[in-house]
Amino acid sequence: TQFPEAIRRKLVLELAGPASPQWAAEEAAHPPVVLAQDKPATDCLVGEKMWRDRSWMFDTR
């Protein structure tokens, strides 16, 4: 897996510290972008709700 290598890299970078105060200031000015989904969430219980509302199955027209 990549986990041990990622941990090793993280520790080395933390121990090394920032390359310069200017680098630290630039990193602080531009935080990482976290993308989020813009579509509304899907109702996970849609099937259960349809099953509970199954009166259409017993419709005696």
PDB file of N, CA and C in Angstrom:
ATOM      1  N   THR A   1       0.837  -1.196   0.000  1.00  0.00           N
ATOM      2  CA  THR A   1       0.000   0.000   0.000  1.00  0.00           C
ATOM      3  C   THR A   1       0.876   1.251   0.000  1.00  0.00           C
ATOM      4  N   GLN A   2       0.233   2.362  -0.194  1.00  0.00           N
ATOM      5  CA  GLN A   2       0.950   3.639  -0.221  1.00  0.00           C
ATOM      6  C   GLN A   2       0.998   4.292   1.158  1.00  0.00           C
ATOM      7  N   PHE A   3       0.318   3.705   2.126  1.00  0.00           N
ATOM      8  CA  PHE A   3       0.215   4.322   3.444  1.00  0.00           C
ATOM      9  C   PHE A   3       1.563   4.543   4.130  1.00  0.00           C
ATOM     10  N   PRO A   4       2.426   3.529   4.219  1.00  0.00           N
ATOM     11  CA  PRO A   4       3.716   3.765   4.898  1.00  0.00           C
ATOM     12  C   PRO A   4       4.548   4.865   4.233  1.00  0.00           C
ATOM     13  N   GLU A   5       4.558   4.876   2.922  1.00  0.00           N
ATOM     14  CA  GLU A   5       5.317   5.910   2.207  1.00  0.00           C
ATOM     15  C   GLU A   5       4.719   7.293   2.457  1.00  0.00           C
ATOM     16  N   ALA A   6       3.393   7.383   2.499  1.00  0.00           N
ATOM     17  CA  ALA A   6       2.738   8.671   2.754  1.00  0.00           C
ATOM     18  C   ALA A   6       3.051   9.174   4.161  1.00  0.00           C
ATOM     19  N   ILE A   7       3.048   8.267   5.132  1.00  0.00           N
ATOM     20  CA  ILE A   7       3.374   8.659   6.508  1.00  0.00           C
ATOM     21  C   ILE A   7       4.824   9.119   6.603  1.00  0.00           C
ATOM     22  N   ARG A   8       5.707   8.390   5.971  1.00  0.00           N
ATOM     23  CA  ARG A   8       7.131   8.754   5.982  1.00  0.00           C
ATOM     24  C   ARG A   8       7.323  10.142   5.368  1.00  0.00           C
ATOM     25  N   ARG A   9       6.683  10.376   4.228  1.00  0.00           N
ATOM     26  CA  ARG A   9       6.803  11.671   3.542  1.00  0.00           C
ATOM     27  C   ARG A   9       6.255  12.798   4.417  1.00  0.00           C
ATOM     28  N   LYS A  10       5.107  12.560   5.043  1.00  0.00           N
ATOM     29  CA  LYS A  10       4.499  13.573   5.898  1.00  0.00           C
ATOM     30  C   LYS A  10       5.426  13.925   7.065  1.00  0.00           C
ATOM     31  N   LEU A  11       5.990  12.909   7.690  1.00  0.00           N
ATOM     32  CA  LEU A  11       6.893  13.167   8.813  1.00  0.00           C
ATOM     33  C   LEU A  11       8.131  13.937   8.383  1.00  0.00           C
ATOM     34  N   VAL A  12       8.706  13.561   7.255  1.00  0.00           N
ATOM     35  CA  VAL A  12       9.900  14.258   6.758  1.00  0.00           C
ATOM     36  C   VAL A  12       9.571  15.712   6.457  1.00  0.00           C
ATOM     37  N   LEU A  13       8.430  15.954   5.814  1.00  0.00           N
ATOM     38  CA  LEU A  13       8.057  17.333   5.490  1.00  0.00           C
ATOM     39  C   LEU A  13       7.772  18.142   6.751  1.00  0.00           C
ATOM     40  N   GLU A  14       7.149  17.525   7.749  1.00  0.00           N
ATOM     41  CA  GLU A  14       6.890  18.240   8.998  1.00  0.00           C
ATOM     42  C   GLU A  14       8.184  18.557   9.737  1.00  0.00           C
ATOM     43  N   LEU A  15       9.109  17.613   9.744  1.00  0.00           N
ATOM     44  CA  LEU A  15      10.381  17.850  10.422  1.00  0.00           C
ATOM     45  C   LEU A  15      11.229  18.882   9.693  1.00  0.00           C
ATOM     46  N   ALA A  16      11.153  18.881   8.372  1.00  0.00           N
ATOM     47  CA  ALA A  16      11.946  19.827   7.586  1.00  0.00           C
ATOM     48  C   ALA A  16      11.431  21.247   7.753  1.00  0.00           C
ATOM     49  N   GLY A  17      10.143  21.396   7.981  1.00  0.00           N
ATOM     50  CA  GLY A  17       9.563  22.727   8.131  1.00  0.00           C
ATOM     51  C   GLY A  17       9.450  23.416   6.785  1.00  0.00           C
ATOM     52  N   PRO A  18       8.886  24.597   6.766  1.00  0.00           N
ATOM     53  CA  PRO A  18       8.748  25.326   5.502  1.00  0.00           C
ATOM     54  C   PRO A  18      10.113  25.741   4.958  1.00  0.00           C
ATOM     55  N   ALA A  19      10.198  25.840   3.643  1.00  0.00           N
ATOM     56  CA  ALA A  19      11.458  26.194   2.989  1.00  0.00           C
ATOM     57  C   ALA A  19      11.891  27.612   3.355  1.00  0.00           C
ATOM     58  N   SER A  20      10.933  28.503   3.510  1.00  0.00           N
ATOM     59  CA  SER A  20      11.254  29.882   3.867  1.00  0.00           C
ATOM     60  C   SER A  20      10.011  30.543   4.457  1.00  0.00           C
ATOM     61  N   PRO A  21      10.175  31.648   5.149  1.00  0.00           N
ATOM     62  CA  PRO A  21       9.002  32.360   5.668  1.00  0.00           C
ATOM     63  C   PRO A  21       8.080  32.837   4.541  1.00  0.00           C
ATOM     64  N   GLN A  22       8.680  33.178   3.404  1.00  0.00           N
ATOM     65  CA  GLN A  22       7.873  33.615   2.260  1.00  0.00           C
ATOM     66  C   GLN A  22       6.990  32.466   1.774  1.00  0.00           C
ATOM     67  N   TRP A  23       7.545  31.255   1.726  1.00  0.00           N
ATOM     68  CA  TRP A  23       6.765  30.089   1.293  1.00  0.00           C
ATOM     69  C   TRP A  23       5.591  29.859   2.247  1.00  0.00           C
ATOM     70  N   ALA A  24       5.838  29.979   3.539  1.00  0.00           N
ATOM     71  CA  ALA A  24       4.775  29.783   4.527  1.00  0.00           C
ATOM     72  C   ALA A  24       3.679  30.828   4.359  1.00  0.00           C
ATOM     73  N   ALA A  25       4.060  32.068   4.084  1.00  0.00           N
ATOM     74  CA  ALA A  25       3.072  33.133   3.896  1.00  0.00           C
ATOM     75  C   ALA A  25       2.239  32.891   2.641  1.00  0.00           C
ATOM     76  N   GLU A  26       2.886  32.439   1.560  1.00  0.00           N
ATOM     77  CA  GLU A  26       2.151  32.162   0.322  1.00  0.00           C
ATOM     78  C   GLU A  26       1.184  30.996   0.505  1.00  0.00           C
ATOM     79  N   GLU A  27       1.616  29.967   1.226  1.00  0.00           N
ATOM     80  CA  GLU A  27       0.736  28.820   1.477  1.00  0.00           C
ATOM     81  C   GLU A  27      -0.470  29.231   2.316  1.00  0.00           C
ATOM     82  N   ALA A  28      -0.254  30.107   3.291  1.00  0.00           N
ATOM     83  CA  ALA A  28      -1.350  30.561   4.140  1.00  0.00           C
ATOM     84  C   ALA A  28      -2.329  31.430   3.358  1.00  0.00           C
ATOM     85  N   ALA A  29      -1.824  32.175   2.374  1.00  0.00           N
ATOM     86  CA  ALA A  29      -2.683  33.047   1.576  1.00  0.00           C
ATOM     87  C   ALA A  29      -3.541  32.262   0.596  1.00  0.00           C
ATOM     88  N   HIS A  30      -3.105  31.070   0.211  1.00  0.00           N
ATOM     89  CA  HIS A  30      -3.838  30.255  -0.764  1.00  0.00           C
ATOM     90  C   HIS A  30      -4.125  28.877  -0.172  1.00  0.00           C
ATOM     91  N   PRO A  31      -5.174  28.791   0.664  1.00  0.00           N
ATOM     92  CA  PRO A  31      -5.483  27.484   1.254  1.00  0.00           C
ATOM     93  C   PRO A  31      -5.946  26.504   0.175  1.00  0.00           C
ATOM     94  N   PRO A  32      -5.859  25.218   0.436  1.00  0.00           N
ATOM     95  CA  PRO A  32      -6.267  24.237  -0.562  1.00  0.00           C
ATOM     96  C   PRO A  32      -7.763  24.334  -0.854  1.00  0.00           C
ATOM     97  N   VAL A  33      -8.122  24.038  -2.073  1.00  0.00           N
ATOM     98  CA  VAL A  33      -9.519  24.070  -2.491  1.00  0.00           C
ATOM     99  C   VAL A  33     -10.141  22.707  -2.193  1.00  0.00           C
ATOM    100  N   VAL A  34     -11.255  22.733  -1.503  1.00  0.00           N
ATOM    101  CA  VAL A  34     -11.983  21.502  -1.203  1.00  0.00           C
ATOM    102  C   VAL A  34     -13.242  21.504  -2.058  1.00  0.00           C
ATOM    103  N   LEU A  35     -13.302  20.575  -3.008  1.00  0.00           N
ATOM    104  CA  LEU A  35     -14.450  20.512  -3.890  1.00  0.00           C
ATOM    105  C   LEU A  35     -15.607  19.817  -3.185  1.00  0.00           C
ATOM    106  N   ALA A  36     -16.794  20.341  -3.390  1.00  0.00           N
ATOM    107  CA  ALA A  36     -17.989  19.742  -2.800  1.00  0.00           C
ATOM    108  C   ALA A  36     -19.007  19.491  -3.898  1.00  0.00           C
ATOM    109  N   GLN A  37     -19.837  18.518  -3.692  1.00  0.00           N
ATOM    110  CA  GLN A  37     -20.850  18.194  -4.682  1.00  0.00           C
ATOM    111  C   GLN A  37     -21.950  19.243  -4.621  1.00  0.00           C
ATOM    112  N   ASP A  38     -22.375  19.731  -5.788  1.00  0.00           N
ATOM    113  CA  ASP A  38     -23.396  20.768  -5.802  1.00  0.00           C
ATOM    114  C   ASP A  38     -24.794  20.209  -6.047  1.00  0.00           C
ATOM    115  N   LYS A  39     -24.915  18.909  -6.334  1.00  0.00           N
ATOM    116  CA  LYS A  39     -26.234  18.314  -6.532  1.00  0.00           C
ATOM    117  C   LYS A  39     -26.828  17.959  -5.173  1.00  0.00           C
ATOM    118  N   PRO A  40     -28.159  18.057  -5.044  1.00  0.00           N
ATOM    119  CA  PRO A  40     -28.756  17.657  -3.770  1.00  0.00           C
ATOM    120  C   PRO A  40     -28.586  16.162  -3.537  1.00  0.00           C
ATOM    121  N   ALA A  41     -28.550  15.793  -2.304  1.00  0.00           N
ATOM    122  CA  ALA A  41     -28.361  14.388  -1.945  1.00  0.00           C
ATOM    123  C   ALA A  41     -29.575  13.562  -2.359  1.00  0.00           C
ATOM    124  N   THR A  42     -29.333  12.317  -2.692  1.00  0.00           N
ATOM    125  CA  THR A  42     -30.404  11.398  -3.049  1.00  0.00           C
ATOM    126  C   THR A  42     -30.986  10.792  -1.781  1.00  0.00           C
ATOM    127  N   ASP A  43     -32.299  10.670  -1.757  1.00  0.00           N
ATOM    128  CA  ASP A  43     -32.960  10.074  -0.604  1.00  0.00           C
ATOM    129  C   ASP A  43     -32.706   8.574  -0.596  1.00  0.00           C
ATOM    130  N   CYS A  44     -32.014   8.096   0.404  1.00  0.00           N
ATOM    131  CA  CYS A  44     -31.672   6.674   0.486  1.00  0.00           C
ATOM    132  C   CYS A  44     -32.881   5.814   0.830  1.00  0.00           C
ATOM    133  N   LEU A  45     -33.919   6.429   1.334  1.00  0.00           N
ATOM    134  CA  LEU A  45     -35.097   5.668   1.743  1.00  0.00           C
ATOM    135  C   LEU A  45     -36.203   5.695   0.696  1.00  0.00           C
ATOM    136  N   VAL A  46     -35.895   6.074  -0.528  1.00  0.00           N
ATOM    137  CA  VAL A  46     -36.934   6.196  -1.548  1.00  0.00           C
ATOM    138  C   VAL A  46     -37.652   4.870  -1.775  1.00  0.00           C
ATOM    139  N   GLY A  47     -36.932   3.774  -1.794  1.00  0.00           N
ATOM    140  CA  GLY A  47     -37.562   2.471  -1.982  1.00  0.00           C
ATOM    141  C   GLY A  47     -38.463   2.095  -0.819  1.00  0.00           C
ATOM    142  N   GLU A  48     -38.019   2.375   0.400  1.00  0.00           N
ATOM    143  CA  GLU A  48     -38.838   2.088   1.579  1.00  0.00           C
ATOM    144  C   GLU A  48     -40.115   2.912   1.564  1.00  0.00           C
ATOM    145  N   LYS A  49     -40.015   4.173   1.185  1.00  0.00           N
ATOM    146  CA  LYS A  49     -41.198   5.033   1.136  1.00  0.00           C
ATOM    147  C   LYS A  49     -42.173   4.545   0.075  1.00  0.00           C
ATOM    148  N   MET A  50     -41.653   4.118  -1.063  1.00  0.00           N
ATOM    149  CA  MET A  50     -42.527   3.588  -2.113  1.00  0.00           C
ATOM    150  C   MET A  50     -43.207   2.309  -1.634  1.00  0.00           C
ATOM    151  N   TRP A  51     -42.492   1.478  -0.899  1.00  0.00           N
ATOM    152  CA  TRP A  51     -43.060   0.221  -0.410  1.00  0.00           C
ATOM    153  C   TRP A  51     -44.159   0.493   0.624  1.00  0.00           C
ATOM    154  N   ARG A  52     -43.935   1.475   1.508  1.00  0.00           N
ATOM    155  CA  ARG A  52     -44.953   1.817   2.505  1.00  0.00           C
ATOM    156  C   ARG A  52     -46.198   2.396   1.848  1.00  0.00           C
ATOM    157  N   ASP A  53     -46.009   3.124   0.765  1.00  0.00           N
ATOM    158  CA  ASP A  53     -47.132   3.754   0.062  1.00  0.00           C
ATOM    159  C   ASP A  53     -47.523   2.883  -1.130  1.00  0.00           C
ATOM    160  N   ARG A  54     -47.794   1.616  -0.886  1.00  0.00           N
ATOM    161  CA  ARG A  54     -48.110   0.697  -1.975  1.00  0.00           C
ATOM    162  C   ARG A  54     -49.613   0.478  -2.119  1.00  0.00           C
ATOM    163  N   SER A  55     -50.393   1.472  -1.718  1.00  0.00           N
ATOM    164  CA  SER A  55     -51.844   1.351  -1.834  1.00  0.00           C
ATOM    165  C   SER A  55     -52.267   1.185  -3.290  1.00  0.00           C
ATOM    166  N   TRP A  56     -51.432   1.621  -4.215  1.00  0.00           N
ATOM    167  CA  TRP A  56     -51.751   1.459  -5.636  1.00  0.00           C
ATOM    168  C   TRP A  56     -51.857  -0.013  -6.018  1.00  0.00           C
ATOM    169  N   MET A  57     -51.219  -0.894  -5.252  1.00  0.00           N
ATOM    170  CA  MET A  57     -51.279  -2.325  -5.563  1.00  0.00           C
ATOM    171  C   MET A  57     -52.664  -2.902  -5.267  1.00  0.00           C
ATOM    172  N   PHE A  58     -53.372  -2.287  -4.319  1.00  0.00           N
ATOM    173  CA  PHE A  58     -54.659  -2.809  -3.890  1.00  0.00           C
ATOM    174  C   PHE A  58     -55.810  -1.951  -4.394  1.00  0.00           C
ATOM    175  N   ASP A  59     -55.551  -1.157  -5.410  1.00  0.00           N
ATOM    176  CA  ASP A  59     -56.568  -0.269  -5.966  1.00  0.00           C
ATOM    177  C   ASP A  59     -57.641  -1.114  -6.656  1.00  0.00           C
ATOM    178  N   THR A  60     -58.878  -1.052  -6.168  1.00  0.00           N
ATOM    179  CA  THR A  60     -59.977  -1.839  -6.749  1.00  0.00           C
ATOM    180  C   THR A  60     -60.884  -0.916  -7.545  1.00  0.00           C
ATOM    181  N   ARG A  61     -60.516  -0.653  -8.733  1.00  0.00           N
ATOM    182  CA  ARG A  61     -61.323   0.238  -9.574  1.00  0.00           C
ATOM    183  C   ARG A  61     -62.417  -0.515 -10.236  1.00  0.00           C
TER     184      ARG A  61
END
